[in-house]
Amino acid sequence: MTDQTGMIGSDGWQRLIAARAAYTRTAGTHYDEVLDQVAERAQHEGGIGKADIGALLLFKRLRADTPWARALMATADVDVRRATAAATTAVRDTTLSLSDAARAGRAALVPLPGFTRGDALASAVLTAAAPDRMAVYDRRAHAGLRSLGIPLSNASGRYSRYIAALDHLLAHAPSPAHTWTPRDLDIALYCLPPNSAGTDSA
């Protein structure tokens, strides 16, 4: 369980460190290549286009045969890049706290088909835009937080609250996790053994 400030004890950190190490052993060094390649292009271009969103769909293992995916494909790439450029600017803004940057970045993506609800794909786009500041959200990371005694509401603004929770954890991380990025922490949360509690929608 957490204390009043939301920190976890040494047992919780040992679980996270072991989970992060297990990910490296099982997924290897290549799983994040797609995310890394999209991030590198986003660094140079200042936004993310439909082709890279398609790559992130593969990374997140999401279905592309859905109405929102068809609607996104029917959206002009220039409009997609306009929204993702605004999101990129927001999440890279170091004058904002991570949670405020996450909130602004997530809001910038809302006009795009597939980004109105759910945070799975949106979080991958935002993480590609600012890989040292943002983190990928999914059901298993959500469940991982819960298993550590950290609640995360499904109400509007969930992604910014998720980033705030990760930021707080990292601010109190022991060695060797004190050098982790939010992405390292989301991987550890994803890999924590599941518990019996239910999870939310992506």
N, C-alpha and C. Protein backbone atom coordinates (compact mmCIF):
# COMPACT_ATOMS: atom_id res chain seq x y z
N MET A 1 0.83 -1.21 0.00
CA MET A 1 0.00 0.00 0.00
C MET A 1 0.86 1.26 0.00
N THR A 2 0.24 2.40 -0.30
CA THR A 2 0.97 3.66 -0.32
C THR A 2 0.77 4.37 1.01
N ASP A 3 1.66 5.34 1.30
CA ASP A 3 1.41 6.21 2.42
C ASP A 3 0.60 7.40 1.94
N GLN A 4 0.45 8.43 2.76
CA GLN A 4 -0.44 9.54 2.42
C GLN A 4 0.06 10.33 1.22
N THR A 5 1.35 10.29 0.94
CA THR A 5 1.87 11.06 -0.18
C THR A 5 1.85 10.28 -1.49
N GLY A 6 1.42 9.03 -1.46
CA GLY A 6 1.37 8.23 -2.67
C GLY A 6 2.65 7.49 -2.96
N MET A 7 3.66 7.58 -2.06
CA MET A 7 4.89 6.83 -2.28
C MET A 7 4.65 5.37 -1.97
N ILE A 8 5.47 4.51 -2.54
CA ILE A 8 5.39 3.09 -2.25
C ILE A 8 6.62 2.71 -1.45
N GLY A 9 6.52 1.62 -0.71
CA GLY A 9 7.63 1.19 0.10
C GLY A 9 8.69 0.46 -0.71
N SER A 10 9.72 0.01 -0.02
CA SER A 10 10.81 -0.68 -0.70
C SER A 10 10.33 -1.96 -1.37
N ASP A 11 9.34 -2.63 -0.78
CA ASP A 11 8.81 -3.85 -1.40
C ASP A 11 8.18 -3.53 -2.75
N GLY A 12 7.43 -2.43 -2.83
CA GLY A 12 6.83 -2.03 -4.10
C GLY A 12 7.89 -1.73 -5.15
N TRP A 13 8.94 -1.02 -4.73
CA TRP A 13 10.01 -0.71 -5.68
C TRP A 13 10.75 -1.97 -6.12
N GLN A 14 10.95 -2.91 -5.21
CA GLN A 14 11.61 -4.16 -5.61
C GLN A 14 10.77 -4.90 -6.64
N ARG A 15 9.46 -4.86 -6.47
CA ARG A 15 8.57 -5.49 -7.46
C ARG A 15 8.71 -4.81 -8.82
N LEU A 16 8.75 -3.48 -8.82
CA LEU A 16 8.87 -2.74 -10.08
C LEU A 16 10.22 -3.00 -10.75
N ILE A 17 11.28 -2.98 -9.98
CA ILE A 17 12.61 -3.21 -10.55
C ILE A 17 12.70 -4.61 -11.14
N ALA A 18 12.15 -5.60 -10.43
CA ALA A 18 12.15 -6.97 -10.94
C ALA A 18 11.31 -7.09 -12.20
N ALA A 19 10.17 -6.39 -12.24
CA ALA A 19 9.30 -6.43 -13.41
C ALA A 19 9.97 -5.79 -14.62
N ARG A 20 10.68 -4.68 -14.39
CA ARG A 20 11.40 -4.02 -15.49
C ARG A 20 12.49 -4.93 -16.03
N ALA A 21 13.20 -5.62 -15.16
CA ALA A 21 14.24 -6.55 -15.58
C ALA A 21 13.65 -7.73 -16.34
N ALA A 22 12.49 -8.20 -15.90
CA ALA A 22 11.83 -9.32 -16.59
C ALA A 22 11.43 -8.93 -18.00
N TYR A 23 10.97 -7.69 -18.17
CA TYR A 23 10.62 -7.19 -19.50
C TYR A 23 11.82 -7.23 -20.43
N THR A 24 12.95 -6.77 -19.93
CA THR A 24 14.16 -6.76 -20.75
C THR A 24 14.55 -8.18 -21.16
N ARG A 25 14.40 -9.12 -20.24
CA ARG A 25 14.75 -10.51 -20.56
C ARG A 25 13.80 -11.12 -21.58
N THR A 26 12.51 -10.85 -21.46
CA THR A 26 11.53 -11.51 -22.32
C THR A 26 11.29 -10.78 -23.64
N ALA A 27 11.23 -9.46 -23.60
CA ALA A 27 10.95 -8.69 -24.82
C ALA A 27 12.22 -8.42 -25.61
N GLY A 28 13.34 -8.48 -24.94
CA GLY A 28 14.60 -8.20 -25.62
C GLY A 28 14.80 -6.71 -25.84
N THR A 29 15.76 -6.39 -26.64
CA THR A 29 16.12 -4.98 -26.87
C THR A 29 15.43 -4.39 -28.09
N HIS A 30 14.61 -5.19 -28.78
CA HIS A 30 14.07 -4.72 -30.06
C HIS A 30 12.61 -4.30 -30.02
N TYR A 31 11.89 -4.62 -28.94
CA TYR A 31 10.45 -4.38 -28.94
C TYR A 31 10.11 -2.90 -29.13
N ASP A 32 10.90 -2.02 -28.55
CA ASP A 32 10.60 -0.59 -28.64
C ASP A 32 11.16 0.07 -29.90
N GLU A 33 11.68 -0.72 -30.83
CA GLU A 33 12.28 -0.11 -32.03
C GLU A 33 11.28 0.75 -32.79
N VAL A 34 10.05 0.29 -32.91
CA VAL A 34 9.04 1.07 -33.64
C VAL A 34 8.81 2.41 -32.93
N LEU A 35 8.62 2.35 -31.62
CA LEU A 35 8.42 3.59 -30.85
C LEU A 35 9.63 4.50 -30.99
N ASP A 36 10.83 3.94 -30.90
CA ASP A 36 12.04 4.74 -31.01
C ASP A 36 12.17 5.39 -32.39
N GLN A 37 11.82 4.65 -33.45
CA GLN A 37 11.92 5.20 -34.80
C GLN A 37 10.92 6.33 -35.02
N VAL A 38 9.69 6.13 -34.52
CA VAL A 38 8.69 7.20 -34.63
C VAL A 38 9.14 8.41 -33.83
N ALA A 39 9.70 8.19 -32.64
CA ALA A 39 10.18 9.29 -31.81
C ALA A 39 11.29 10.07 -32.50
N GLU A 40 12.17 9.35 -33.18
CA GLU A 40 13.27 10.03 -33.88
C GLU A 40 12.73 10.91 -35.01
N ARG A 41 11.75 10.40 -35.75
CA ARG A 41 11.16 11.23 -36.82
C ARG A 41 10.40 12.41 -36.23
N ALA A 42 9.69 12.17 -35.14
CA ALA A 42 8.94 13.26 -34.50
C ALA A 42 9.88 14.35 -34.00
N GLN A 43 11.05 13.94 -33.54
CA GLN A 43 12.03 14.92 -33.06
C GLN A 43 12.43 15.89 -34.17
N HIS A 44 12.58 15.37 -35.37
CA HIS A 44 13.00 16.20 -36.49
C HIS A 44 11.84 16.96 -37.14
N GLU A 45 10.66 16.34 -37.16
CA GLU A 45 9.53 16.90 -37.89
C GLU A 45 8.59 17.73 -37.03
N GLY A 46 8.64 17.56 -35.71
CA GLY A 46 7.79 18.35 -34.84
C GLY A 46 6.35 17.88 -34.78
N GLY A 47 6.05 16.76 -35.37
CA GLY A 47 4.70 16.19 -35.36
C GLY A 47 4.75 14.76 -35.87
N ILE A 48 3.59 14.14 -35.92
CA ILE A 48 3.49 12.73 -36.30
C ILE A 48 2.37 12.59 -37.32
N GLY A 49 2.66 11.90 -38.43
CA GLY A 49 1.67 11.72 -39.48
C GLY A 49 0.96 10.38 -39.40
N LYS A 50 0.09 10.14 -40.37
CA LYS A 50 -0.70 8.91 -40.36
C LYS A 50 0.16 7.66 -40.48
N ALA A 51 1.22 7.71 -41.27
CA ALA A 51 2.06 6.53 -41.42
C ALA A 51 2.68 6.13 -40.08
N ASP A 52 3.12 7.11 -39.31
CA ASP A 52 3.70 6.79 -38.01
C ASP A 52 2.63 6.38 -36.99
N ILE A 53 1.44 6.94 -37.10
CA ILE A 53 0.36 6.46 -36.22
C ILE A 53 0.07 5.00 -36.53
N GLY A 54 0.12 4.65 -37.82
CA GLY A 54 -0.05 3.24 -38.19
C GLY A 54 1.02 2.37 -37.57
N ALA A 55 2.25 2.84 -37.54
CA ALA A 55 3.33 2.09 -36.90
C ALA A 55 3.07 1.94 -35.40
N LEU A 56 2.54 2.99 -34.77
CA LEU A 56 2.25 2.91 -33.34
C LEU A 56 1.08 1.98 -33.06
N LEU A 57 0.17 1.83 -34.01
CA LEU A 57 -0.88 0.82 -33.86
C LEU A 57 -0.27 -0.57 -33.75
N LEU A 58 0.73 -0.85 -34.58
CA LEU A 58 1.43 -2.13 -34.50
C LEU A 58 2.13 -2.26 -33.16
N PHE A 59 2.82 -1.21 -32.74
CA PHE A 59 3.53 -1.22 -31.45
C PHE A 59 2.56 -1.52 -30.31
N LYS A 60 1.39 -0.88 -30.34
CA LYS A 60 0.40 -1.08 -29.27
C LYS A 60 -0.46 -2.31 -29.48
N ARG A 61 -0.31 -2.96 -30.63
CA ARG A 61 -1.09 -4.16 -30.97
C ARG A 61 -2.60 -3.87 -30.91
N LEU A 62 -2.97 -2.75 -31.53
CA LEU A 62 -4.37 -2.37 -31.61
C LEU A 62 -4.93 -2.73 -32.98
N ARG A 63 -6.22 -2.95 -33.03
CA ARG A 63 -6.89 -3.29 -34.30
C ARG A 63 -7.01 -2.07 -35.19
N ALA A 64 -6.77 -2.27 -36.47
CA ALA A 64 -6.88 -1.17 -37.43
C ALA A 64 -8.13 -1.28 -38.29
N ASP A 65 -8.93 -2.34 -38.10
CA ASP A 65 -10.13 -2.54 -38.93
C ASP A 65 -11.37 -2.02 -38.19
N THR A 66 -11.29 -0.79 -37.75
CA THR A 66 -12.36 -0.18 -36.95
C THR A 66 -12.83 1.10 -37.62
N PRO A 67 -14.05 1.56 -37.28
CA PRO A 67 -14.55 2.81 -37.88
C PRO A 67 -13.62 4.01 -37.65
N TRP A 68 -13.04 4.12 -36.46
CA TRP A 68 -12.17 5.26 -36.20
C TRP A 68 -10.92 5.22 -37.06
N ALA A 69 -10.40 4.01 -37.32
CA ALA A 69 -9.20 3.90 -38.16
C ALA A 69 -9.51 4.31 -39.59
N ARG A 70 -10.70 3.93 -40.08
CA ARG A 70 -11.10 4.36 -41.42
C ARG A 70 -11.27 5.88 -41.46
N ALA A 71 -11.87 6.43 -40.40
CA ALA A 71 -12.05 7.89 -40.36
C ALA A 71 -10.71 8.61 -40.28
N LEU A 72 -9.78 8.05 -39.56
CA LEU A 72 -8.45 8.67 -39.49
C LEU A 72 -7.77 8.64 -40.85
N MET A 73 -7.89 7.52 -41.56
CA MET A 73 -7.29 7.42 -42.88
C MET A 73 -7.93 8.40 -43.85
N ALA A 74 -9.20 8.75 -43.62
CA ALA A 74 -9.89 9.70 -44.49
C ALA A 74 -9.59 11.15 -44.12
N THR A 75 -8.85 11.35 -43.05
CA THR A 75 -8.46 12.70 -42.62
C THR A 75 -7.16 13.07 -43.33
N ALA A 76 -7.08 14.27 -43.83
CA ALA A 76 -5.87 14.72 -44.52
C ALA A 76 -4.68 14.66 -43.58
N ASP A 77 -3.55 14.18 -44.09
CA ASP A 77 -2.36 14.06 -43.25
C ASP A 77 -1.94 15.42 -42.70
N VAL A 78 -2.17 16.48 -43.45
CA VAL A 78 -1.80 17.81 -42.96
C VAL A 78 -2.60 18.15 -41.71
N ASP A 79 -3.86 17.71 -41.64
CA ASP A 79 -4.67 17.97 -40.45
C ASP A 79 -4.22 17.10 -39.28
N VAL A 80 -3.82 15.87 -39.58
CA VAL A 80 -3.29 14.99 -38.53
C VAL A 80 -2.01 15.60 -37.96
N ARG A 81 -1.14 16.06 -38.85
CA ARG A 81 0.13 16.64 -38.40
C ARG A 81 -0.08 17.95 -37.64
N ARG A 82 -1.11 18.69 -38.01
CA ARG A 82 -1.40 19.94 -37.28
C ARG A 82 -1.76 19.62 -35.82
N ALA A 83 -2.60 18.60 -35.63
CA ALA A 83 -3.00 18.22 -34.26
C ALA A 83 -1.83 17.62 -33.49
N THR A 84 -1.07 16.76 -34.15
CA THR A 84 0.05 16.13 -33.44
C THR A 84 1.18 17.12 -33.18
N ALA A 85 1.33 18.12 -34.05
CA ALA A 85 2.33 19.15 -33.79
C ALA A 85 1.97 19.95 -32.54
N ALA A 86 0.68 20.26 -32.38
CA ALA A 86 0.25 20.98 -31.18
C ALA A 86 0.47 20.12 -29.95
N ALA A 87 0.18 18.83 -30.07
CA ALA A 87 0.40 17.91 -28.96
C ALA A 87 1.89 17.80 -28.63
N THR A 88 2.71 17.73 -29.67
CA THR A 88 4.16 17.63 -29.48
C THR A 88 4.70 18.86 -28.76
N THR A 89 4.27 20.03 -29.20
CA THR A 89 4.71 21.26 -28.55
C THR A 89 4.34 21.25 -27.07
N ALA A 90 3.13 20.78 -26.77
CA ALA A 90 2.66 20.77 -25.39
C ALA A 90 3.49 19.83 -24.52
N VAL A 91 3.71 18.60 -24.98
CA VAL A 91 4.40 17.64 -24.11
C VAL A 91 5.89 17.91 -23.98
N ARG A 92 6.43 18.71 -24.90
CA ARG A 92 7.85 19.09 -24.80
C ARG A 92 8.07 20.38 -24.03
N ASP A 93 7.00 21.02 -23.61
CA ASP A 93 7.09 22.31 -22.94
C ASP A 93 7.59 22.12 -21.51
N THR A 94 8.84 22.41 -21.29
CA THR A 94 9.44 22.18 -19.97
C THR A 94 9.03 23.23 -18.94
N THR A 95 8.28 24.25 -19.36
CA THR A 95 7.75 25.20 -18.38
C THR A 95 6.50 24.64 -17.70
N LEU A 96 5.96 23.55 -18.25
CA LEU A 96 4.80 22.90 -17.67
C LEU A 96 5.22 21.70 -16.85
N SER A 97 4.49 21.41 -15.78
CA SER A 97 4.71 20.16 -15.07
C SER A 97 4.39 19.01 -16.03
N LEU A 98 4.87 17.82 -15.73
CA LEU A 98 4.58 16.69 -16.62
C LEU A 98 3.09 16.45 -16.74
N SER A 99 2.36 16.56 -15.63
CA SER A 99 0.91 16.31 -15.71
C SER A 99 0.20 17.38 -16.53
N ASP A 100 0.62 18.65 -16.41
CA ASP A 100 0.00 19.70 -17.21
C ASP A 100 0.36 19.54 -18.69
N ALA A 101 1.60 19.15 -18.95
CA ALA A 101 2.00 18.90 -20.34
C ALA A 101 1.20 17.74 -20.92
N ALA A 102 1.01 16.70 -20.13
CA ALA A 102 0.22 15.54 -20.58
C ALA A 102 -1.22 15.95 -20.86
N ARG A 103 -1.78 16.79 -19.99
CA ARG A 103 -3.17 17.24 -20.18
C ARG A 103 -3.30 18.05 -21.47
N ALA A 104 -2.37 18.96 -21.70
CA ALA A 104 -2.43 19.79 -22.90
C ALA A 104 -2.18 18.96 -24.15
N GLY A 105 -1.23 18.05 -24.09
CA GLY A 105 -0.97 17.19 -25.25
C GLY A 105 -2.14 16.30 -25.58
N ARG A 106 -2.74 15.72 -24.54
CA ARG A 106 -3.89 14.83 -24.76
C ARG A 106 -5.05 15.61 -25.35
N ALA A 107 -5.28 16.83 -24.88
CA ALA A 107 -6.37 17.66 -25.39
C ALA A 107 -6.16 18.00 -26.85
N ALA A 108 -4.92 18.21 -27.26
CA ALA A 108 -4.63 18.56 -28.65
C ALA A 108 -4.96 17.44 -29.61
N LEU A 109 -4.97 16.20 -29.13
CA LEU A 109 -5.26 15.05 -29.99
C LEU A 109 -6.74 14.74 -30.12
N VAL A 110 -7.55 15.30 -29.24
CA VAL A 110 -8.98 14.95 -29.20
C VAL A 110 -9.70 15.14 -30.53
N PRO A 111 -9.39 16.16 -31.35
CA PRO A 111 -10.12 16.30 -32.62
C PRO A 111 -9.90 15.17 -33.62
N LEU A 112 -8.85 14.38 -33.44
CA LEU A 112 -8.55 13.32 -34.42
C LEU A 112 -9.40 12.08 -34.18
N PRO A 113 -9.89 11.45 -35.25
CA PRO A 113 -10.60 10.18 -35.09
C PRO A 113 -9.72 9.16 -34.37
N GLY A 114 -10.31 8.47 -33.39
CA GLY A 114 -9.58 7.47 -32.63
C GLY A 114 -8.94 8.01 -31.37
N PHE A 115 -9.01 9.33 -31.17
CA PHE A 115 -8.35 9.93 -30.02
C PHE A 115 -9.33 10.62 -29.08
N THR A 116 -10.62 10.48 -29.36
CA THR A 116 -11.63 11.13 -28.53
C THR A 116 -11.72 10.48 -27.16
N ARG A 117 -11.71 9.14 -27.15
CA ARG A 117 -11.81 8.39 -25.90
C ARG A 117 -10.65 7.41 -25.82
N GLY A 118 -10.36 6.96 -24.62
CA GLY A 118 -9.28 6.01 -24.43
C GLY A 118 -7.92 6.67 -24.55
N ASP A 119 -6.96 6.12 -23.84
CA ASP A 119 -5.65 6.74 -23.78
C ASP A 119 -4.52 5.88 -24.33
N ALA A 120 -4.82 4.67 -24.80
CA ALA A 120 -3.76 3.76 -25.22
C ALA A 120 -2.96 4.31 -26.41
N LEU A 121 -3.64 4.56 -27.51
CA LEU A 121 -2.93 5.06 -28.70
C LEU A 121 -2.45 6.49 -28.49
N ALA A 122 -3.28 7.32 -27.88
CA ALA A 122 -2.88 8.71 -27.62
C ALA A 122 -1.60 8.75 -26.79
N SER A 123 -1.50 7.89 -25.81
CA SER A 123 -0.30 7.89 -24.96
C SER A 123 0.93 7.47 -25.75
N ALA A 124 0.76 6.54 -26.70
CA ALA A 124 1.89 6.14 -27.53
C ALA A 124 2.35 7.30 -28.41
N VAL A 125 1.41 8.06 -28.96
CA VAL A 125 1.76 9.23 -29.77
C VAL A 125 2.49 10.26 -28.92
N LEU A 126 1.97 10.53 -27.73
CA LEU A 126 2.59 11.53 -26.86
C LEU A 126 3.96 11.07 -26.36
N THR A 127 4.11 9.78 -26.13
CA THR A 127 5.41 9.25 -25.71
C THR A 127 6.42 9.34 -26.84
N ALA A 128 5.98 9.07 -28.06
CA ALA A 128 6.87 9.23 -29.21
C ALA A 128 7.27 10.69 -29.39
N ALA A 129 6.37 11.61 -29.06
CA ALA A 129 6.66 13.03 -29.20
C ALA A 129 7.63 13.52 -28.14
N ALA A 130 7.58 12.93 -26.95
CA ALA A 130 8.47 13.36 -25.84
C ALA A 130 8.84 12.13 -25.03
N PRO A 131 9.73 11.28 -25.56
CA PRO A 131 10.02 9.99 -24.93
C PRO A 131 10.65 10.08 -23.55
N ASP A 132 11.25 11.20 -23.19
CA ASP A 132 11.83 11.33 -21.86
C ASP A 132 10.87 11.93 -20.84
N ARG A 133 9.68 12.35 -21.31
CA ARG A 133 8.73 13.01 -20.42
C ARG A 133 7.41 12.28 -20.26
N MET A 134 6.96 11.60 -21.31
CA MET A 134 5.66 10.94 -21.28
C MET A 134 5.83 9.43 -21.14
N ALA A 135 4.70 8.74 -20.95
CA ALA A 135 4.70 7.29 -20.77
C ALA A 135 3.49 6.70 -21.47
N VAL A 136 3.62 5.44 -21.84
CA VAL A 136 2.53 4.72 -22.48
C VAL A 136 1.54 4.25 -21.41
N TYR A 137 0.26 4.47 -21.68
CA TYR A 137 -0.81 4.02 -20.78
C TYR A 137 -1.48 2.81 -21.38
N ASP A 138 -1.82 1.84 -20.57
CA ASP A 138 -2.69 0.74 -20.97
C ASP A 138 -3.31 0.13 -19.73
N ARG A 139 -4.20 -0.83 -19.96
CA ARG A 139 -4.92 -1.45 -18.85
C ARG A 139 -3.98 -2.09 -17.83
N ARG A 140 -2.93 -2.73 -18.34
CA ARG A 140 -2.04 -3.44 -17.43
C ARG A 140 -1.22 -2.48 -16.58
N ALA A 141 -0.80 -1.35 -17.14
CA ALA A 141 -0.10 -0.35 -16.33
C ALA A 141 -1.05 0.21 -15.28
N HIS A 142 -2.30 0.43 -15.67
CA HIS A 142 -3.33 0.89 -14.73
C HIS A 142 -3.49 -0.11 -13.59
N ALA A 143 -3.58 -1.39 -13.95
CA ALA A 143 -3.71 -2.44 -12.93
C ALA A 143 -2.45 -2.51 -12.06
N GLY A 144 -1.28 -2.25 -12.67
CA GLY A 144 -0.05 -2.25 -11.91
C GLY A 144 -0.05 -1.17 -10.83
N LEU A 145 -0.52 0.02 -11.18
CA LEU A 145 -0.65 1.08 -10.17
C LEU A 145 -1.57 0.63 -9.05
N ARG A 146 -2.70 0.06 -9.42
CA ARG A 146 -3.67 -0.38 -8.42
C ARG A 146 -3.05 -1.42 -7.49
N SER A 147 -2.25 -2.33 -8.07
CA SER A 147 -1.65 -3.38 -7.24
C SER A 147 -0.64 -2.82 -6.24
N LEU A 148 -0.15 -1.61 -6.51
CA LEU A 148 0.75 -0.93 -5.58
C LEU A 148 0.00 -0.06 -4.58
N GLY A 149 -1.32 -0.05 -4.69
CA GLY A 149 -2.13 0.75 -3.79
C GLY A 149 -2.33 2.17 -4.25
N ILE A 150 -2.11 2.43 -5.55
CA ILE A 150 -2.25 3.78 -6.08
C ILE A 150 -3.49 3.81 -6.97
N PRO A 151 -4.56 4.47 -6.54
CA PRO A 151 -5.79 4.52 -7.34
C PRO A 151 -5.64 5.45 -8.53
N LEU A 152 -6.32 5.12 -9.61
CA LEU A 152 -6.36 5.97 -10.80
C LEU A 152 -7.78 5.94 -11.35
N SER A 153 -8.45 7.07 -11.25
CA SER A 153 -9.84 7.17 -11.70
C SER A 153 -9.91 7.13 -13.23
N ASN A 154 -11.02 6.59 -13.73
CA ASN A 154 -11.28 6.59 -15.17
C ASN A 154 -11.98 7.85 -15.64
N ALA A 155 -12.17 8.81 -14.76
CA ALA A 155 -12.84 10.05 -15.15
C ALA A 155 -12.00 10.82 -16.17
N SER A 156 -12.62 11.81 -16.78
CA SER A 156 -11.93 12.64 -17.76
C SER A 156 -10.62 13.19 -17.19
N GLY A 157 -9.58 13.20 -18.02
CA GLY A 157 -8.28 13.67 -17.56
C GLY A 157 -7.42 12.57 -16.99
N ARG A 158 -7.79 11.32 -17.25
CA ARG A 158 -7.07 10.18 -16.68
C ARG A 158 -5.59 10.20 -17.06
N TYR A 159 -5.26 10.52 -18.33
CA TYR A 159 -3.86 10.44 -18.74
C TYR A 159 -2.97 11.40 -17.95
N SER A 160 -3.45 12.61 -17.71
CA SER A 160 -2.63 13.56 -16.95
C SER A 160 -2.47 13.09 -15.51
N ARG A 161 -3.50 12.45 -14.95
CA ARG A 161 -3.38 11.91 -13.59
C ARG A 161 -2.42 10.72 -13.57
N TYR A 162 -2.44 9.93 -14.61
CA TYR A 162 -1.50 8.81 -14.73
C TYR A 162 -0.07 9.33 -14.74
N ILE A 163 0.19 10.34 -15.57
CA ILE A 163 1.54 10.91 -15.64
C ILE A 163 1.92 11.53 -14.30
N ALA A 164 0.99 12.18 -13.62
CA ALA A 164 1.28 12.76 -12.31
C ALA A 164 1.67 11.67 -11.31
N ALA A 165 0.97 10.54 -11.35
CA ALA A 165 1.29 9.43 -10.45
C ALA A 165 2.69 8.89 -10.74
N LEU A 166 3.02 8.73 -12.02
CA LEU A 166 4.35 8.24 -12.38
C LEU A 166 5.43 9.24 -11.99
N ASP A 167 5.16 10.51 -12.22
CA ASP A 167 6.13 11.55 -11.88
C ASP A 167 6.40 11.55 -10.38
N HIS A 168 5.35 11.38 -9.59
CA HIS A 168 5.52 11.35 -8.15
C HIS A 168 6.33 10.12 -7.71
N LEU A 169 6.03 8.98 -8.30
CA LEU A 169 6.79 7.78 -7.97
C LEU A 169 8.27 7.97 -8.31
N LEU A 170 8.54 8.49 -9.49
CA LEU A 170 9.93 8.66 -9.92
C LEU A 170 10.67 9.67 -9.05
N ALA A 171 9.96 10.64 -8.52
CA ALA A 171 10.60 11.64 -7.65
C ALA A 171 11.10 11.01 -6.35
N HIS A 172 10.57 9.83 -6.00
CA HIS A 172 10.95 9.15 -4.77
C HIS A 172 11.58 7.79 -5.04
N ALA A 173 12.07 7.60 -6.25
CA ALA A 173 12.62 6.30 -6.64
C ALA A 173 13.98 6.06 -6.01
N PRO A 174 14.21 4.84 -5.53
CA PRO A 174 15.54 4.50 -5.01
C PRO A 174 16.46 4.07 -6.15
N SER A 175 17.72 3.90 -5.87
CA SER A 175 18.65 3.35 -6.85
C SER A 175 18.27 1.89 -7.09
N PRO A 176 18.28 1.32 -8.31
CA PRO A 176 18.70 1.95 -9.57
C PRO A 176 17.56 2.66 -10.32
N ALA A 177 16.35 2.64 -9.77
CA ALA A 177 15.22 3.21 -10.49
C ALA A 177 15.23 4.73 -10.51
N HIS A 178 16.12 5.37 -9.74
CA HIS A 178 16.14 6.84 -9.71
C HIS A 178 16.55 7.43 -11.06
N THR A 179 17.11 6.62 -11.94
CA THR A 179 17.49 7.11 -13.28
C THR A 179 16.44 6.79 -14.34
N TRP A 180 15.34 6.19 -13.92
CA TRP A 180 14.31 5.80 -14.88
C TRP A 180 13.61 7.00 -15.47
N THR A 181 13.12 6.82 -16.70
CA THR A 181 12.19 7.76 -17.31
C THR A 181 10.77 7.28 -17.01
N PRO A 182 9.75 8.11 -17.28
CA PRO A 182 8.38 7.62 -17.14
C PRO A 182 8.12 6.37 -17.99
N ARG A 183 8.75 6.27 -19.16
CA ARG A 183 8.59 5.08 -20.00
C ARG A 183 9.12 3.83 -19.30
N ASP A 184 10.26 3.93 -18.63
CA ASP A 184 10.77 2.78 -17.87
C ASP A 184 9.77 2.34 -16.82
N LEU A 185 9.15 3.31 -16.16
CA LEU A 185 8.18 2.98 -15.12
C LEU A 185 6.93 2.36 -15.70
N ASP A 186 6.46 2.87 -16.86
CA ASP A 186 5.24 2.26 -17.43
C ASP A 186 5.52 0.81 -17.84
N ILE A 187 6.73 0.52 -18.31
CA ILE A 187 7.09 -0.86 -18.65
C ILE A 187 7.04 -1.73 -17.40
N ALA A 188 7.61 -1.23 -16.31
CA ALA A 188 7.60 -2.00 -15.06
C ALA A 188 6.17 -2.25 -14.59
N LEU A 189 5.33 -1.22 -14.65
CA LEU A 189 3.93 -1.39 -14.25
C LEU A 189 3.22 -2.41 -15.13
N TYR A 190 3.49 -2.35 -16.43
CA TYR A 190 2.89 -3.28 -17.39
C TYR A 190 3.26 -4.72 -17.05
N CYS A 191 4.48 -4.93 -16.58
CA CYS A 191 4.99 -6.27 -16.34
C CYS A 191 4.75 -6.79 -14.94
N LEU A 192 4.18 -5.98 -14.05
CA LEU A 192 3.87 -6.49 -12.72
C LEU A 192 2.88 -7.64 -12.84
N PRO A 193 3.03 -8.69 -12.05
CA PRO A 193 2.06 -9.78 -12.09
C PRO A 193 0.65 -9.26 -11.86
N PRO A 194 -0.32 -9.74 -12.64
CA PRO A 194 -1.69 -9.24 -12.49
C PRO A 194 -2.27 -9.59 -11.13
N ASN A 195 -3.19 -8.74 -10.68
CA ASN A 195 -3.91 -9.07 -9.45
C ASN A 195 -5.35 -9.37 -9.79
N SER A 196 -6.17 -9.58 -8.79
CA SER A 196 -7.55 -9.99 -9.04
C SER A 196 -8.48 -8.84 -9.33
N ALA A 197 -8.01 -7.61 -9.18
CA ALA A 197 -8.88 -6.44 -9.41
C ALA A 197 -9.15 -6.28 -10.89
N GLY A 198 -10.32 -5.75 -11.21
CA GLY A 198 -10.66 -5.48 -12.60
C GLY A 198 -9.86 -4.32 -13.16
N THR A 199 -9.84 -4.20 -14.46
CA THR A 199 -9.12 -3.12 -15.09
C THR A 199 -10.06 -2.29 -15.94
N ASP A 200 -9.56 -1.16 -16.38
CA ASP A 200 -10.38 -0.22 -17.13
C ASP A 200 -10.24 -0.45 -18.62
N SER A 201 -10.93 0.34 -19.38
CA SER A 201 -10.82 0.26 -20.82
C SER A 201 -9.61 1.04 -21.28
N ALA A 202 -9.05 0.64 -22.43
CA ALA A 202 -7.88 1.32 -22.95
C ALA A 202 -8.21 2.70 -23.42
